[in-house]
């Protein structure tokens, strides 16, 4: 394996067993819930998090500052004695990428013993997770640090995100969507479909009447955007905010329609879930365009 380590953020929503198996270092964006800050040291069970939202809690989040990013990079250099490839949460949704970029630049200016390459993935949740998964595969297959970074830059906009939410008010409260979009999401039985665009922003693209139709709309979007990747999607990632049955329904329908049988399904974690609320189902795959 090439001599560098891949790191990322907790916003990948990758499960703990995957993180441990791949020894994947995480930079934590904290979630503040009922006056308590949860991060890499003080962890919050995702089931407890969603129950708190049901009980009326309004969680918030904070971005990572350059000092925190620099500290993690320095610790990784000391521990692993190698270069670092960091895949950062979309700059369209957080300032954390810029904090990581500034930290890497400061380390370079200080003649740190190893290189840090920071990539703005323009991805979120398990879309970011799927890109990390691809990067780990590339590393396993012998790609150098520079080759892997170039591959990610070339292909990150092929990482398609599409999702539906039950209630857009959480996204509006966090400044992720407009008031108009939130009002549309509040209309009776109207379920918005959103995606992450080429600038890494959340953008409403359509709406469906009823939950089942909104879930099927995710498949229609996949049909429209896979293009030349139709036979190249060896795995599809699906994340959900306490809507496991709906996520599994989407996976079943994908297998029926496209013949894909390899899925990674897991919860949206607290940092992303603070902005999506309960009932989100998000689908991630490779396609010609977002």
Protein backbone atom coordinates (compact mmCIF):
# COMPACT_ATOMS: atom_id res chain seq x y z
CA UNK A 1 0.00 0.00 0.00
CA UNK A 2 1.23 3.49 -0.85
CA UNK A 3 2.75 5.36 2.08
CA UNK A 4 0.08 7.89 2.95
CA UNK A 5 -2.99 7.96 5.13
CA UNK A 6 -6.49 8.97 4.11
CA UNK A 7 -8.52 11.02 6.59
CA UNK A 8 -11.93 12.64 6.39
CA UNK A 9 -14.75 14.15 8.46
CA UNK A 10 -17.48 12.60 10.57
CA UNK A 11 -19.93 14.02 8.02
CA UNK A 12 -19.28 10.95 5.83
CA UNK A 13 -21.80 9.13 8.08
CA UNK A 14 -19.77 5.95 7.74
CA UNK A 15 -20.50 3.43 10.52
CA UNK A 16 -18.03 2.81 13.31
CA UNK A 17 -17.15 -0.72 12.18
CA UNK A 18 -16.16 0.60 8.72
CA UNK A 19 -14.07 3.38 10.29
CA UNK A 20 -12.29 0.90 12.55
CA UNK A 21 -11.76 -1.66 9.78
CA UNK A 22 -10.10 0.94 7.54
CA UNK A 23 -8.39 2.80 10.41
CA UNK A 24 -9.94 5.99 9.07
CA UNK A 25 -9.12 9.14 11.09
CA UNK A 26 -12.03 11.56 11.46
CA UNK A 27 -12.14 15.29 11.99
CA UNK A 28 -15.27 15.98 14.05
CA UNK A 29 -17.74 18.77 13.47
CA UNK A 30 -19.51 19.02 16.83
CA UNK A 31 -23.24 18.75 17.39
CA UNK A 32 -24.74 20.78 20.24
CA UNK A 33 -27.87 19.21 21.72
CA UNK A 34 -29.74 20.46 24.79
CA UNK A 35 -26.70 22.45 25.90
CA UNK A 36 -24.22 19.57 25.57
CA UNK A 37 -21.52 19.45 22.90
CA UNK A 38 -20.91 16.07 21.27
CA UNK A 39 -17.75 15.37 19.28
CA UNK A 40 -15.10 12.68 18.84
CA UNK A 41 -14.53 12.46 22.59
CA UNK A 42 -18.09 12.88 23.87
CA UNK A 43 -20.16 10.71 21.56
CA UNK A 44 -23.90 10.64 21.07
CA UNK A 45 -25.85 7.55 20.06
CA UNK A 46 -27.69 8.27 16.84
CA UNK A 47 -30.88 6.69 18.17
CA UNK A 48 -30.78 8.99 21.22
CA UNK A 49 -30.19 11.94 18.90
CA UNK A 50 -33.31 11.30 16.82
CA UNK A 51 -35.38 10.64 19.92
CA UNK A 52 -34.30 14.03 21.25
CA UNK A 53 -35.51 15.67 18.02
CA UNK A 54 -38.85 13.87 18.40
CA UNK A 55 -39.01 15.29 21.92
CA UNK A 56 -38.61 18.80 20.54
CA UNK A 57 -34.84 19.42 20.70
CA UNK A 58 -33.34 21.77 18.11
CA UNK A 59 -29.69 20.71 17.66
CA UNK A 60 -27.05 22.96 16.13
CA UNK A 61 -23.58 22.34 14.71
CA UNK A 62 -20.25 24.13 14.44
CA UNK A 63 -17.50 24.02 11.86
CA UNK A 64 -13.94 22.96 12.61
CA UNK A 65 -11.44 25.79 13.02
CA UNK A 66 -7.92 25.79 11.49
CA UNK A 67 -6.25 25.10 14.84
CA UNK A 68 -8.29 21.92 15.34
CA UNK A 69 -7.53 20.73 11.82
CA UNK A 70 -3.83 21.46 12.20
CA UNK A 71 -3.71 19.55 15.49
CA UNK A 72 -5.21 16.46 13.88
CA UNK A 73 -2.84 16.60 10.90
CA UNK A 74 0.17 16.98 13.19
CA UNK A 75 -0.94 14.04 15.32
CA UNK A 76 -1.41 11.88 12.21
CA UNK A 77 2.06 12.80 10.94
CA UNK A 78 3.63 11.92 14.28
CA UNK A 79 1.73 8.65 14.64
CA UNK A 80 2.00 7.38 11.06
CA UNK A 81 5.15 9.08 9.73
CA UNK A 82 3.57 9.61 6.31
CA UNK A 83 1.73 12.05 4.06
CA UNK A 84 -2.00 12.76 4.43
CA UNK A 85 -4.85 12.90 1.94
CA UNK A 86 -7.82 14.60 3.60
CA UNK A 87 -11.26 14.48 1.98
CA UNK A 88 -13.26 17.38 3.36
CA UNK A 89 -16.97 18.10 3.70
CA UNK A 90 -18.45 20.27 0.95
CA UNK A 91 -17.36 23.92 1.04
CA UNK A 92 -20.89 24.72 -0.13
CA UNK A 93 -22.23 23.58 3.25
CA UNK A 94 -19.51 24.41 5.77
CA UNK A 95 -16.32 26.40 6.28
CA UNK A 96 -14.53 23.28 7.52
CA UNK A 97 -12.83 22.65 4.15
CA UNK A 98 -11.30 26.13 4.27
CA UNK A 99 -10.09 25.52 7.83
CA UNK A 100 -8.39 22.32 6.66
CA UNK A 101 -6.87 24.12 3.67
CA UNK A 102 -5.47 26.85 5.90
CA UNK A 103 -4.09 24.26 8.33
CA UNK A 104 -2.35 22.37 5.51
CA UNK A 105 -0.88 25.62 4.15
CA UNK A 106 0.40 26.58 7.59
CA UNK A 107 2.08 23.20 7.99
CA UNK A 108 3.72 23.59 4.58
CA UNK A 109 4.96 27.08 5.52
CA UNK A 110 6.43 25.61 8.70
CA UNK A 111 8.26 22.91 6.67
CA UNK A 112 6.34 20.06 8.25
CA UNK A 113 7.96 16.66 7.61
CA UNK A 114 5.06 15.41 5.51
CA UNK A 115 2.67 16.69 2.87
CA UNK A 116 -1.05 17.29 3.46
CA UNK A 117 -3.37 17.40 0.44
CA UNK A 118 -6.87 18.65 1.26
CA UNK A 119 -9.68 18.09 -1.24
CA UNK A 120 -13.01 19.88 -1.24
CA UNK A 121 -15.18 16.86 -2.04
CA UNK A 122 -18.28 19.00 -2.71
CA UNK A 123 -20.03 16.00 -1.14
CA UNK A 124 -22.08 15.36 1.99
CA UNK A 125 -23.21 12.46 4.18
CA UNK A 126 -22.64 9.06 2.59
CA UNK A 127 -21.95 10.78 -0.73
CA UNK A 128 -18.75 11.95 0.92
CA UNK A 129 -18.54 8.46 2.38
CA UNK A 130 -18.76 6.82 -1.04
CA UNK A 131 -16.00 9.08 -2.37
CA UNK A 132 -13.83 8.12 0.63
CA UNK A 133 -14.64 4.46 -0.10
CA UNK A 134 -13.43 4.92 -3.70
CA UNK A 135 -10.27 6.67 -2.49
CA UNK A 136 -9.50 3.81 -0.09
CA UNK A 137 -9.95 1.32 -2.93
CA UNK A 138 -7.62 3.37 -5.11
CA UNK A 139 -5.01 3.36 -2.36
CA UNK A 140 -5.37 -0.38 -1.89
CA UNK A 141 -4.86 -0.83 -5.63
CA UNK A 142 -1.56 1.04 -5.45
CA UNK A 143 -2.39 4.62 -6.42
CA UNK A 144 0.08 7.15 -5.11
CA UNK A 145 -1.00 10.16 -3.07
CA UNK A 146 -0.87 12.45 -6.11
CA UNK A 147 -2.60 9.94 -8.40
CA UNK A 148 -5.40 9.39 -5.92
CA UNK A 149 -5.87 13.12 -5.33
CA UNK A 150 -6.03 13.69 -9.09
CA UNK A 151 -8.55 10.86 -9.52
CA UNK A 152 -10.80 12.30 -6.80
CA UNK A 153 -10.66 15.79 -8.30
CA UNK A 154 -11.52 14.35 -11.71
CA UNK A 155 -14.42 12.21 -10.50
CA UNK A 156 -15.93 13.99 -7.49
CA UNK A 157 -18.63 15.64 -9.60
CA UNK A 158 -19.62 12.15 -10.81
CA UNK A 159 -20.70 11.43 -7.22
CA UNK A 160 -24.46 12.01 -7.50
CA UNK A 161 -26.56 12.92 -4.44
CA UNK A 162 -30.34 12.87 -4.43
CA UNK A 163 -32.58 12.83 -1.39
CA UNK A 164 -36.04 13.49 -0.07
CA UNK A 165 -37.05 14.93 3.28
CA UNK A 166 -40.25 14.92 5.27
CA UNK A 167 -39.77 18.45 6.59
CA UNK A 168 -37.54 21.19 5.15
CA UNK A 169 -37.77 23.40 8.24
CA UNK A 170 -34.57 21.93 9.71
CA UNK A 171 -32.67 22.74 6.50
CA UNK A 172 -34.13 26.25 6.46
CA UNK A 173 -33.27 26.83 10.13
CA UNK A 174 -29.66 25.91 9.38
CA UNK A 175 -29.52 28.19 6.36
CA UNK A 176 -29.20 25.29 3.91
CA UNK A 177 -32.31 26.08 1.85
CA UNK A 178 -34.45 29.15 1.26
CA UNK A 179 -37.61 30.12 3.10
CA UNK A 180 -39.55 29.51 -0.12
CA UNK A 181 -38.27 25.93 -0.32
CA UNK A 182 -39.19 25.37 3.32
CA UNK A 183 -42.72 26.61 2.72
CA UNK A 184 -43.08 24.21 -0.21
CA UNK A 185 -41.90 21.39 2.04
CA UNK A 186 -44.56 22.25 4.57
CA UNK A 187 -47.42 21.90 2.11
CA UNK A 188 -49.74 18.99 2.80
CA UNK A 189 -48.33 15.71 1.47
CA UNK A 190 -45.82 17.44 -0.82
CA UNK A 191 -42.36 15.91 -0.51
CA UNK A 192 -39.43 17.81 -2.00
CA UNK A 193 -36.60 16.12 -3.91
CA UNK A 194 -33.19 17.78 -3.54
CA UNK A 195 -29.68 17.20 -4.79
CA UNK A 196 -26.18 18.52 -4.18
CA UNK A 197 -25.05 20.61 -7.15
CA UNK A 198 -21.59 21.12 -8.67
CA UNK A 199 -20.84 23.84 -6.12
CA UNK A 200 -21.74 21.53 -3.24
CA UNK A 201 -24.99 23.31 -2.33
CA UNK A 202 -28.35 21.73 -1.50
CA UNK A 203 -30.78 22.52 -4.32
CA UNK A 204 -34.48 21.51 -4.64
CA UNK A 205 -35.00 19.86 -8.03
CA UNK A 206 -38.60 18.62 -7.92
CA UNK A 207 -41.41 17.55 -5.63
CA UNK A 208 -43.68 14.54 -5.32
CA UNK A 209 -47.07 14.02 -3.76
CA UNK A 210 -46.77 11.41 -1.04
CA UNK A 211 -43.92 9.53 0.56
CA UNK A 212 -43.80 6.49 -1.73
CA UNK A 213 -43.76 8.61 -4.86
CA UNK A 214 -40.92 10.70 -3.44
CA UNK A 215 -38.90 7.54 -2.79
CA UNK A 216 -39.54 6.29 -6.32
CA UNK A 217 -38.50 9.72 -7.61
CA UNK A 218 -35.02 8.99 -6.24
CA UNK A 219 -34.83 6.01 -8.60
CA UNK A 220 -36.07 8.10 -11.52
CA UNK A 221 -33.30 10.59 -10.81
CA UNK A 222 -30.80 7.75 -10.72
CA UNK A 223 -32.09 6.50 -14.08
CA UNK A 224 -31.62 9.96 -15.59
CA UNK A 225 -28.13 10.61 -14.24
CA UNK A 226 -26.18 7.33 -14.30
CA UNK A 227 -25.44 7.54 -18.02
CA UNK A 228 -22.19 5.75 -18.86
CA UNK A 229 -21.89 4.64 -15.22
CA UNK A 230 -24.99 2.45 -15.48
CA UNK A 231 -22.92 -0.75 -15.50
CA UNK A 232 -20.10 0.64 -13.35
CA UNK A 233 -21.93 1.16 -10.05
CA UNK A 234 -20.56 -1.80 -8.10
CA UNK A 235 -21.98 -0.37 -4.85
CA UNK A 236 -24.65 2.17 -3.93
CA UNK A 237 -24.75 4.05 -0.63
CA UNK A 238 -28.02 5.03 1.08
CA UNK A 239 -28.30 7.07 4.27
CA UNK A 240 -31.39 7.87 6.29
CA UNK A 241 -32.46 9.88 9.32
CA UNK A 242 -34.29 7.21 11.31
CA UNK A 243 -36.15 5.90 8.24
CA UNK A 244 -34.52 2.49 7.82
CA UNK A 245 -37.54 0.78 6.25
CA UNK A 246 -37.80 3.47 3.58
CA UNK A 247 -34.06 3.21 2.86
CA UNK A 248 -34.38 -0.56 2.48
CA UNK A 249 -37.39 -0.07 0.19
CA UNK A 250 -35.27 2.16 -2.05
CA UNK A 251 -32.52 -0.49 -2.14
CA UNK A 252 -35.04 -3.20 -3.09
CA UNK A 253 -36.41 -1.06 -5.91
CA UNK A 254 -32.90 -0.28 -7.20
CA UNK A 255 -32.10 -3.98 -7.33
CA UNK A 256 -35.31 -4.67 -9.26
CA UNK A 257 -34.81 -1.83 -11.73
CA UNK A 258 -31.04 -1.78 -12.23
CA UNK A 259 -29.83 -5.19 -11.04
CA UNK A 260 -27.51 -3.65 -8.43
CA UNK A 261 -27.32 -5.81 -5.32
CA UNK A 262 -24.47 -4.31 -3.30
CA UNK A 263 -25.62 -1.60 -0.88
CA UNK A 264 -24.29 0.26 2.11
CA UNK A 265 -27.17 1.53 4.24
CA UNK A 266 -26.75 3.45 7.47
CA UNK A 267 -27.96 6.34 9.59
CA UNK A 268 -27.34 9.99 8.87
CA UNK A 269 -25.27 11.04 11.87
CA UNK A 270 -26.02 13.91 14.28
CA UNK A 271 -23.91 16.55 12.47
CA UNK A 272 -25.87 16.17 9.22
CA UNK A 273 -29.07 15.07 10.94
CA UNK A 274 -29.21 18.36 12.86
CA UNK A 275 -30.00 19.99 9.51
CA UNK A 276 -32.16 17.33 7.85
CA UNK A 277 -34.44 16.34 10.72
CA UNK A 278 -36.22 12.99 10.79
CA UNK A 279 -37.39 11.11 7.71
CA UNK A 280 -34.68 11.91 5.18
CA UNK A 281 -33.66 9.22 2.69
CA UNK A 282 -30.56 9.96 0.60
CA UNK A 283 -29.21 8.01 -2.37
CA UNK A 284 -25.61 8.17 -3.62
CA UNK A 285 -24.16 6.67 -6.80
CA UNK A 286 -21.78 7.39 -9.68
CA UNK A 287 -23.17 9.14 -12.75
CA UNK A 288 -22.23 11.28 -15.73
CA UNK A 289 -23.52 14.41 -14.03
CA UNK A 290 -25.04 15.51 -10.77
